[in-house]
Amino acid sequence: MPAASPCILTINGGSSSIKFALFEAGGALRRILEGGIERIGLPDAAFRVTGLDQADDVLRTVAAPDHTVAVGALMDWIEERRAGDALTAVGHRLVHGGPKYSEPQRITAEMIEDLRRLSPFDPEHLPEEIQLTEAFHRRFPDLPQVACFDTAFHHDLPRVARMLPIPRRFEAQGVRRYGFHGLSYAFLMGELARLAGTEAAQARVILAHLGNGASLAAVRGGKSMDTSMSFTPTAGVPMSTRSGDLDPGLVWYLARTEGFDAKRFNEMVNFQSGLLGVSETSSDMRDLLDCETQDVRAAEAIALFCYQVKKWIGAFAAALGGLDTLVFAGGIGENAPMVRARICEGLGFLGINLDEKRNMANGGLISIDAAPVAVRVIRTDEELMIARLVCRALGLGMTRERRNSDHATK
């Protein structure tokens, strides 16, 4: 690992994993390695690194009972390679910024206290993300750390889109639609402008980030007009283990018939539902596609996912007053042509018409040339977006990016 050039480390913490990437920032942003620590909390947690130099590649098991210990393994690895002195900053993806935080900014003690108070907004992510920032501060107390908020892209939603139809007093407590996947959406809009031009990016766009977590956003004039996730990331379309939208009356019904309390209901809708709950076999779309012809439960899980995404596309086209571009991204959106085809089937009335060969080849533009709506597949890159935001927050002058290297290790 080069240690002479200043570097930016990006940290993307999940509920059971930590993804990271290291970018060289010597006048340009160049990804020099990426990796992750997976299965945190389990005995077989794995530490993985892939670099431009094969000598930097690592795959080994680590003791990672929690996020603090897990990130310690990463920091040890950084120091072993004498890269600690080369770090210019660390950028953290923070899932929730609440009503106060939207711009990327340097992490302070005051911000950490604010985020602790905000933890009830996102108890599945924020506590672990705070632990990661504190662990870095203990090891590298003088190293600037920057918070990049996943809710930021949707911060200025139109009031009618962000309001929730519950008693008004809760709005004063910050209860509103926030939306998530904002780092991905910001990156996708930048890529859309680069690939199709500023006019296309300023028109009526629907972004579909479809992965383990899945959401859609309606964008006009480059700004978020609406999004499927709401106060929490559980809302919207069905996901790998999240339910998406449900009848609220189900809470009371299950409390009476199954003895559910709030905690048990939360566990069900976040970890036992979605593709996993309907299929009863897997939360992974690839597994379900492989066995759908033999297992009706898998087929129904896929059908439900595609149907719900299709409905949100129709709803957002109505909210935007039409549609000019549809973008698929995320693990499913980028790599599952059959899912894209089923979502788009029957949407010809909106101007969506896929080219079968382009779609099956995972091409960048998968609609027919004459279609009124351009349908694109764009590979998202939250880590690169974090690195860009760190540069912006700290005033680091990145004059250009080595685009041919952005995905060198992907």
Protein backbone atom coordinates (compact mmCIF):
# COMPACT_ATOMS: atom_id res chain seq x y z
CA MET A 1 0.00 0.00 0.00
CA PRO A 2 1.50 3.39 -0.94
CA ALA A 3 2.03 5.51 2.15
CA ALA A 4 3.64 8.58 0.60
CA SER A 5 0.51 10.14 -0.89
CA PRO A 6 -2.32 11.52 1.26
CA CYS A 7 -5.19 9.06 1.48
CA ILE A 8 -8.88 9.14 2.37
CA LEU A 9 -10.39 6.10 4.05
CA THR A 10 -14.14 5.58 3.65
CA ILE A 11 -16.14 3.57 6.17
CA ASN A 12 -19.59 2.17 5.42
CA GLY A 13 -20.88 0.36 8.48
CA GLY A 14 -23.84 -2.02 8.30
CA SER A 15 -25.62 -3.98 10.99
CA SER A 16 -23.24 -6.95 10.63
CA SER A 17 -20.50 -5.67 8.34
CA ILE A 18 -18.08 -2.85 7.67
CA LYS A 19 -17.16 -1.95 4.09
CA PHE A 20 -14.17 0.30 3.46
CA ALA A 21 -12.12 1.74 0.64
CA LEU A 22 -8.90 3.72 0.47
CA PHE A 23 -8.50 6.54 -2.04
CA GLU A 24 -5.27 8.23 -2.99
CA ALA A 25 -5.88 11.96 -2.87
CA GLY A 26 -2.70 13.36 -4.36
CA GLY A 27 -4.37 15.74 -6.80
CA ALA A 28 -6.92 13.15 -7.86
CA LEU A 29 -9.19 10.55 -6.32
CA ARG A 30 -7.91 7.09 -7.13
CA ARG A 31 -9.18 3.95 -5.40
CA ILE A 32 -6.18 1.89 -4.36
CA LEU A 33 -7.95 -0.76 -2.33
CA GLU A 34 -11.28 -1.81 -0.92
CA GLY A 35 -12.50 -4.47 1.43
CA GLY A 36 -14.80 -5.39 4.24
CA ILE A 37 -15.27 -7.14 7.53
CA GLU A 38 -18.29 -9.42 7.29
CA ARG A 39 -20.35 -11.55 9.67
CA ILE A 40 -19.57 -9.33 12.66
CA GLY A 41 -20.81 -10.97 15.84
CA LEU A 42 -20.32 -14.50 14.52
CA PRO A 43 -17.36 -16.85 15.12
CA ASP A 44 -16.35 -16.91 11.45
CA ALA A 45 -16.09 -13.17 10.82
CA ALA A 46 -13.98 -12.51 7.71
CA PHE A 47 -11.54 -9.69 6.90
CA ARG A 48 -11.13 -9.11 3.17
CA VAL A 49 -9.00 -6.64 1.21
CA THR A 50 -8.51 -6.32 -2.55
CA GLY A 51 -5.94 -3.86 -3.85
CA LEU A 52 -4.36 -2.67 -7.06
CA ASP A 53 -1.22 -4.44 -5.85
CA GLN A 54 -1.85 -8.14 -5.31
CA ALA A 55 0.48 -8.02 -2.30
CA ASP A 56 -2.21 -6.03 -0.49
CA ASP A 57 -4.87 -8.74 -0.96
CA VAL A 58 -6.03 -10.29 2.31
CA LEU A 59 -8.62 -12.91 3.21
CA ARG A 60 -8.62 -14.21 6.77
CA THR A 61 -10.89 -14.86 9.70
CA VAL A 62 -10.84 -12.36 12.56
CA ALA A 63 -12.28 -12.07 16.03
CA ALA A 64 -15.08 -9.54 15.60
CA PRO A 65 -17.69 -9.88 18.35
CA ASP A 66 -18.80 -6.27 17.77
CA HIS A 67 -18.11 -3.30 15.52
CA THR A 68 -15.50 -1.75 17.82
CA VAL A 69 -13.36 -4.89 17.81
CA ALA A 70 -13.93 -5.35 14.08
CA VAL A 71 -12.74 -1.87 13.16
CA GLY A 72 -9.76 -2.44 15.47
CA ALA A 73 -8.66 -5.21 13.10
CA LEU A 74 -8.87 -2.73 10.22
CA MET A 75 -6.86 -0.09 12.09
CA ASP A 76 -4.23 -2.68 13.04
CA TRP A 77 -3.91 -3.62 9.39
CA ILE A 78 -3.53 0.04 8.41
CA GLU A 79 -0.78 0.58 10.98
CA GLU A 80 1.02 -2.65 10.03
CA ARG A 81 1.45 -1.22 6.55
CA ARG A 82 2.60 2.15 7.87
CA ALA A 83 -0.39 3.78 6.17
CA GLY A 84 -1.66 5.55 9.27
CA ASP A 85 0.64 8.51 8.64
CA ALA A 86 -0.67 8.80 5.08
CA LEU A 87 -4.32 9.10 6.12
CA THR A 88 -5.64 12.60 5.47
CA ALA A 89 -9.16 11.91 6.70
CA VAL A 90 -11.78 9.24 7.34
CA GLY A 91 -15.24 9.58 5.82
CA HIS A 92 -18.13 7.75 7.49
CA ARG A 93 -21.49 6.90 6.00
CA LEU A 94 -24.04 7.72 8.70
CA VAL A 95 -27.47 6.37 7.86
CA HIS A 96 -29.47 9.05 9.67
CA GLY A 97 -28.87 12.77 10.07
CA GLY A 98 -32.26 13.59 11.53
CA PRO A 99 -33.72 17.04 10.94
CA LYS A 100 -30.46 18.84 11.80
CA TYR A 101 -27.68 17.29 9.73
CA SER A 102 -27.63 17.22 5.96
CA GLU A 103 -24.30 18.61 4.74
CA PRO A 104 -21.11 16.54 5.07
CA GLN A 105 -19.12 17.96 7.97
CA ARG A 106 -16.29 17.24 10.32
CA ILE A 107 -17.31 15.11 13.28
CA THR A 108 -17.16 16.87 16.64
CA ALA A 109 -17.99 15.90 20.21
CA GLU A 110 -21.14 18.02 19.94
CA MET A 111 -22.26 16.13 16.82
CA ILE A 112 -21.69 12.77 18.52
CA GLU A 113 -23.90 13.82 21.43
CA ASP A 114 -26.59 14.96 18.98
CA LEU A 115 -26.38 11.62 17.19
CA ARG A 116 -26.70 9.72 20.46
CA ARG A 117 -29.97 11.54 21.12
CA LEU A 118 -30.98 10.67 17.56
CA SER A 119 -30.29 6.94 18.02
CA PRO A 120 -33.99 6.06 18.59
CA PHE A 121 -34.59 7.20 15.00
CA ASP A 122 -32.35 4.36 13.76
CA PRO A 123 -31.40 1.92 16.52
CA GLU A 124 -30.27 -0.67 13.97
CA HIS A 125 -27.41 1.46 12.59
CA LEU A 126 -26.58 4.67 14.44
CA PRO A 127 -25.16 3.18 17.68
CA GLU A 128 -22.67 1.04 15.75
CA GLU A 129 -21.77 3.92 13.44
CA ILE A 130 -21.06 6.13 16.45
CA GLN A 131 -18.84 3.38 17.88
CA LEU A 132 -16.80 3.35 14.67
CA THR A 133 -16.12 7.09 14.82
CA GLU A 134 -15.09 6.83 18.47
CA ALA A 135 -12.77 3.91 17.79
CA PHE A 136 -10.95 5.92 15.13
CA HIS A 137 -10.73 8.93 17.41
CA ARG A 138 -9.09 6.85 20.16
CA ARG A 139 -6.50 5.41 17.79
CA PHE A 140 -5.94 8.51 15.64
CA PRO A 141 -7.04 11.49 17.80
CA ASP A 142 -5.75 14.14 15.37
CA LEU A 143 -7.18 12.57 12.23
CA PRO A 144 -10.13 14.52 10.77
CA GLN A 145 -13.31 12.47 10.46
CA VAL A 146 -16.21 13.54 8.26
CA ALA A 147 -19.83 12.43 8.56
CA CYS A 148 -21.69 11.85 5.27
CA PHE A 149 -25.40 11.43 5.85
CA ASP A 150 -27.49 8.98 3.85
CA THR A 151 -30.61 11.08 4.47
CA ALA A 152 -29.04 14.26 3.05
CA PHE A 153 -30.22 13.81 -0.56
CA HIS A 154 -33.84 13.89 0.62
CA HIS A 155 -33.43 16.59 3.29
CA ASP A 156 -35.38 19.21 1.36
CA LEU A 157 -38.27 17.05 0.19
CA PRO A 158 -41.39 19.07 -0.63
CA ARG A 159 -43.43 19.44 2.52
CA VAL A 160 -46.34 17.42 1.14
CA ALA A 161 -43.97 14.49 0.51
CA ARG A 162 -42.22 14.58 3.87
CA MET A 163 -45.30 14.92 6.08
CA LEU A 164 -46.72 11.79 7.73
CA PRO A 165 -50.50 11.59 8.29
CA ILE A 166 -50.30 11.22 12.07
CA PRO A 167 -51.03 13.79 14.82
CA ARG A 168 -49.17 16.98 14.05
CA ARG A 169 -47.40 17.13 17.43
CA PHE A 170 -45.06 14.31 16.39
CA GLU A 171 -43.62 16.44 13.60
CA ALA A 172 -42.09 18.71 16.24
CA GLN A 173 -40.17 15.66 17.49
CA GLY A 174 -38.65 15.13 14.05
CA VAL A 175 -41.06 12.42 12.88
CA ARG A 176 -41.26 12.81 9.10
CA ARG A 177 -40.28 11.07 5.89
CA TYR A 178 -36.49 11.14 5.67
CA GLY A 179 -35.60 8.66 2.95
CA PHE A 180 -32.30 6.82 2.63
CA HIS A 181 -29.79 5.57 0.03
CA GLY A 182 -28.95 9.25 -0.42
CA LEU A 183 -25.24 8.72 -1.07
CA SER A 184 -26.09 6.25 -3.81
CA TYR A 185 -28.67 8.60 -5.32
CA ALA A 186 -26.29 11.57 -5.28
CA PHE A 187 -23.68 9.47 -7.08
CA LEU A 188 -26.21 8.20 -9.63
CA MET A 189 -27.37 11.70 -10.48
CA GLY A 190 -23.78 12.78 -11.07
CA GLU A 191 -23.21 9.77 -13.31
CA LEU A 192 -26.45 10.42 -15.19
CA ALA A 193 -25.31 13.97 -15.93
CA ARG A 194 -21.92 12.65 -17.10
CA LEU A 195 -23.40 9.91 -19.29
CA ALA A 196 -26.53 11.58 -20.69
CA GLY A 197 -25.92 15.28 -20.15
CA THR A 198 -27.14 17.95 -17.77
CA GLU A 199 -30.52 18.26 -19.49
CA ALA A 200 -31.32 14.59 -18.81
CA ALA A 201 -30.26 14.91 -15.17
CA GLN A 202 -32.47 17.97 -14.73
CA ALA A 203 -35.54 16.28 -16.22
CA ARG A 204 -37.96 13.77 -14.64
CA VAL A 205 -35.97 10.86 -13.24
CA ILE A 206 -36.82 7.80 -11.18
CA LEU A 207 -33.88 6.12 -9.43
CA ALA A 208 -34.32 2.51 -8.29
CA HIS A 209 -31.64 1.35 -5.86
CA LEU A 210 -32.48 -2.35 -5.60
CA GLY A 211 -30.27 -4.46 -3.35
CA ASN A 212 -30.54 -6.08 0.07
CA GLY A 213 -32.07 -2.76 0.99
CA ALA A 214 -34.26 -1.36 -1.76
CA SER A 215 -35.82 2.01 -2.40
CA LEU A 216 -36.85 4.36 -5.19
CA ALA A 217 -36.60 8.12 -5.51
CA ALA A 218 -38.46 10.58 -7.72
CA VAL A 219 -36.14 13.37 -8.87
CA ARG A 220 -36.88 16.56 -10.81
CA GLY A 221 -34.50 19.43 -11.40
CA GLY A 222 -31.82 17.34 -9.73
CA LYS A 223 -33.73 17.39 -6.42
CA SER A 224 -35.55 14.62 -4.58
CA MET A 225 -39.30 15.06 -4.86
CA ASP A 226 -40.30 11.85 -3.07
CA THR A 227 -38.84 8.52 -1.98
CA SER A 228 -40.22 5.15 -0.94
CA MET A 229 -38.40 4.73 2.38
CA SER A 230 -39.84 6.91 5.10
CA PHE A 231 -39.07 7.60 8.78
CA THR A 232 -37.04 4.38 8.79
CA PRO A 233 -35.48 2.22 6.05
CA THR A 234 -38.16 -0.45 6.68
CA ALA A 235 -40.77 1.37 4.59
CA GLY A 236 -41.44 1.15 0.87
CA VAL A 237 -40.89 -1.92 -1.30
CA PRO A 238 -40.19 -5.42 0.07
CA MET A 239 -36.47 -6.07 0.55
CA SER A 240 -34.24 -9.01 1.41
CA THR A 241 -35.52 -9.29 4.99
CA ARG A 242 -37.52 -6.05 5.43
CA SER A 243 -41.23 -6.00 4.81
CA GLY A 244 -41.65 -2.62 3.17
CA ASP A 245 -45.03 -0.94 3.66
CA LEU A 246 -47.61 -2.77 5.79
CA ASP A 247 -51.06 -2.10 7.17
CA PRO A 248 -50.39 -0.43 10.58
CA GLY A 249 -53.35 -2.35 11.97
CA LEU A 250 -51.21 -5.48 11.75
CA VAL A 251 -49.38 -4.34 14.91
CA TRP A 252 -52.54 -4.53 17.01
CA TYR A 253 -53.71 -7.73 15.34
CA LEU A 254 -50.45 -9.59 16.09
CA ALA A 255 -50.38 -8.20 19.61
CA ARG A 256 -53.78 -9.78 20.27
CA THR A 257 -53.34 -13.05 18.39
CA GLU A 258 -49.61 -13.80 18.74
CA GLY A 259 -48.64 -11.80 21.82
CA PHE A 260 -46.28 -9.59 19.82
CA ASP A 261 -44.74 -6.63 21.62
CA ALA A 262 -43.06 -3.72 19.81
CA LYS A 263 -39.62 -5.34 19.88
CA ARG A 264 -40.82 -8.61 18.41
CA PHE A 265 -42.78 -6.82 15.69
CA ASN A 266 -39.70 -4.74 14.83
CA GLU A 267 -37.57 -7.89 14.55
CA MET A 268 -40.15 -9.49 12.28
CA VAL A 269 -40.48 -6.60 9.83
CA ASN A 270 -36.73 -5.94 9.66
CA PHE A 271 -35.13 -9.40 9.79
CA GLN A 272 -37.75 -12.05 9.01
CA SER A 273 -39.86 -10.55 6.23
CA GLY A 274 -39.42 -9.47 2.61
CA LEU A 275 -37.95 -12.06 0.24
CA LEU A 276 -36.96 -14.28 3.16
CA GLY A 277 -40.38 -14.20 4.80
CA VAL A 278 -42.33 -14.93 1.63
CA SER A 279 -39.97 -17.55 0.20
CA GLU A 280 -39.20 -19.19 3.56
CA THR A 281 -35.83 -20.18 2.05
CA SER A 282 -33.56 -17.26 1.17
CA SER A 283 -33.21 -13.49 1.30
CA ASP A 284 -30.95 -13.52 -1.78
CA MET A 285 -32.59 -12.78 -5.12
CA ARG A 286 -30.02 -14.97 -6.90
CA ASP A 287 -31.05 -18.02 -4.90
CA LEU A 288 -34.72 -17.36 -5.56
CA LEU A 289 -34.21 -16.95 -9.32
CA ASP A 290 -32.32 -20.24 -9.39
CA CYS A 291 -35.16 -22.22 -7.81
CA GLU A 292 -38.33 -20.35 -8.81
CA THR A 293 -39.40 -22.99 -11.32
CA GLN A 294 -39.29 -25.68 -8.61
CA ASP A 295 -40.51 -23.64 -5.62
CA VAL A 296 -43.71 -21.63 -5.82
CA ARG A 297 -42.72 -19.71 -2.69
CA ALA A 298 -39.59 -18.41 -4.41
CA ALA A 299 -41.61 -17.50 -7.50
CA GLU A 300 -44.14 -15.60 -5.40
CA ALA A 301 -41.42 -13.71 -3.52
CA ILE A 302 -39.92 -12.53 -6.82
CA ALA A 303 -43.34 -11.66 -8.22
CA LEU A 304 -44.24 -9.62 -5.15
CA PHE A 305 -40.93 -7.71 -5.27
CA CYS A 306 -41.30 -6.88 -8.98
CA TYR A 307 -44.98 -5.93 -8.59
CA GLN A 308 -44.31 -3.54 -5.74
CA VAL A 309 -41.38 -1.85 -7.50
CA LYS A 310 -43.57 -1.50 -10.62
CA LYS A 311 -46.28 0.20 -8.53
CA TRP A 312 -43.82 2.70 -7.08
CA ILE A 313 -42.55 3.56 -10.56
CA GLY A 314 -46.12 4.28 -11.63
CA ALA A 315 -46.79 6.36 -8.52
CA PHE A 316 -43.62 8.40 -8.93
CA ALA A 317 -44.29 8.98 -12.62
CA ALA A 318 -47.61 10.48 -11.52
CA ALA A 319 -45.91 12.63 -8.89
CA LEU A 320 -43.39 13.90 -11.46
CA GLY A 321 -46.01 14.53 -14.14
CA GLY A 322 -44.35 12.05 -16.47
CA LEU A 323 -41.00 10.33 -16.84
CA ASP A 324 -37.87 10.86 -18.92
CA THR A 325 -35.30 8.48 -17.38
CA LEU A 326 -35.46 5.36 -15.22
CA VAL A 327 -32.22 4.22 -13.58
CA PHE A 328 -31.59 0.80 -12.05
CA ALA A 329 -28.76 0.40 -9.52
CA GLY A 330 -27.77 -1.76 -6.55
CA GLY A 331 -26.94 -5.45 -6.51
CA ILE A 332 -30.29 -6.55 -7.97
CA GLY A 333 -30.80 -3.51 -10.17
CA GLU A 334 -27.36 -3.84 -11.77
CA ASN A 335 -27.12 -7.62 -12.13
CA ALA A 336 -30.60 -9.17 -12.50
CA PRO A 337 -31.91 -8.58 -16.04
CA MET A 338 -34.90 -10.88 -15.49
CA VAL A 339 -36.00 -8.78 -12.52
CA ARG A 340 -35.62 -5.55 -14.51
CA ALA A 341 -37.65 -7.05 -17.37
CA ARG A 342 -40.48 -8.13 -15.08
CA ILE A 343 -40.57 -4.74 -13.38
CA CYS A 344 -40.79 -2.92 -16.71
CA GLU A 345 -43.27 -5.31 -18.31
CA GLY A 346 -46.57 -3.55 -18.92
CA LEU A 347 -45.14 -0.04 -18.43
CA GLY A 348 -45.24 0.82 -22.11
CA PHE A 349 -48.00 3.33 -21.38
CA LEU A 350 -45.37 5.36 -19.50
CA GLY A 351 -42.94 5.17 -22.43
CA ILE A 352 -40.82 2.35 -20.95
CA ASN A 353 -39.79 -0.20 -23.57
CA LEU A 354 -36.74 -2.40 -22.98
CA ASP A 355 -34.40 -3.78 -25.62
CA GLU A 356 -34.20 -7.46 -24.68
CA LYS A 357 -30.61 -8.00 -25.87
CA ARG A 358 -29.30 -4.86 -24.20
CA ASN A 359 -31.05 -5.75 -20.98
CA MET A 360 -29.77 -9.34 -20.89
CA ALA A 361 -26.24 -8.04 -21.53
CA ASN A 362 -26.53 -5.59 -18.59
CA GLY A 363 -25.83 -2.73 -20.97
CA GLY A 364 -25.67 0.85 -19.79
CA LEU A 365 -28.71 1.87 -21.87
CA ILE A 366 -31.25 -0.96 -21.96
CA SER A 367 -34.27 0.73 -23.59
CA ILE A 368 -34.92 0.73 -27.33
CA ASP A 369 -33.62 3.76 -29.20
CA ALA A 370 -37.11 5.03 -30.03
CA ALA A 371 -38.47 4.76 -26.48
CA PRO A 372 -39.67 8.04 -24.93
CA VAL A 373 -38.11 6.98 -21.60
CA ALA A 374 -34.41 6.14 -21.38
CA VAL A 375 -33.88 3.14 -19.08
CA ARG A 376 -30.33 2.91 -17.77
CA VAL A 377 -28.27 0.62 -15.58
CA ILE A 378 -25.67 2.58 -13.61
CA ARG A 379 -23.28 0.99 -11.17
CA THR A 380 -23.51 2.90 -7.93
CA ASP A 381 -20.47 3.75 -5.81
CA GLU A 382 -21.20 5.00 -2.30
CA GLU A 383 -17.53 4.82 -1.30
CA LEU A 384 -16.43 7.16 -4.09
CA MET A 385 -19.27 9.51 -3.17
CA ILE A 386 -18.10 9.56 0.45
CA ALA A 387 -14.55 10.36 -0.66
CA ARG A 388 -15.81 13.24 -2.80
CA LEU A 389 -17.84 14.63 0.09
CA VAL A 390 -14.84 14.40 2.43
CA CYS A 391 -12.84 16.47 -0.06
CA ARG A 392 -15.65 19.01 -0.22
CA ALA A 393 -16.07 19.24 3.55
CA LEU A 394 -12.35 19.67 4.22
CA GLY A 395 -11.66 21.92 1.23
CA LEU A 396 -9.32 19.44 -0.45
CA GLY A 397 -8.89 20.51 -4.07
CA MET A 398 -9.49 17.44 -6.18
CA THR A 399 -8.96 18.80 -9.68
CA ARG A 400 -9.98 15.63 -11.47
CA GLU A 401 -10.73 11.94 -10.98
CA ARG A 402 -9.02 9.01 -12.61
CA ARG A 403 -12.24 7.49 -13.83
CA ASN A 404 -10.52 4.50 -15.35
CA SER A 405 -9.34 3.55 -11.86
CA ASP A 406 -12.52 4.21 -9.90
CA HIS A 407 -13.64 0.62 -10.36
CA ALA A 408 -10.23 -0.96 -10.77
CA THR A 409 -10.78 -3.17 -7.77
CA LYS A 410 -14.51 -3.69 -8.19
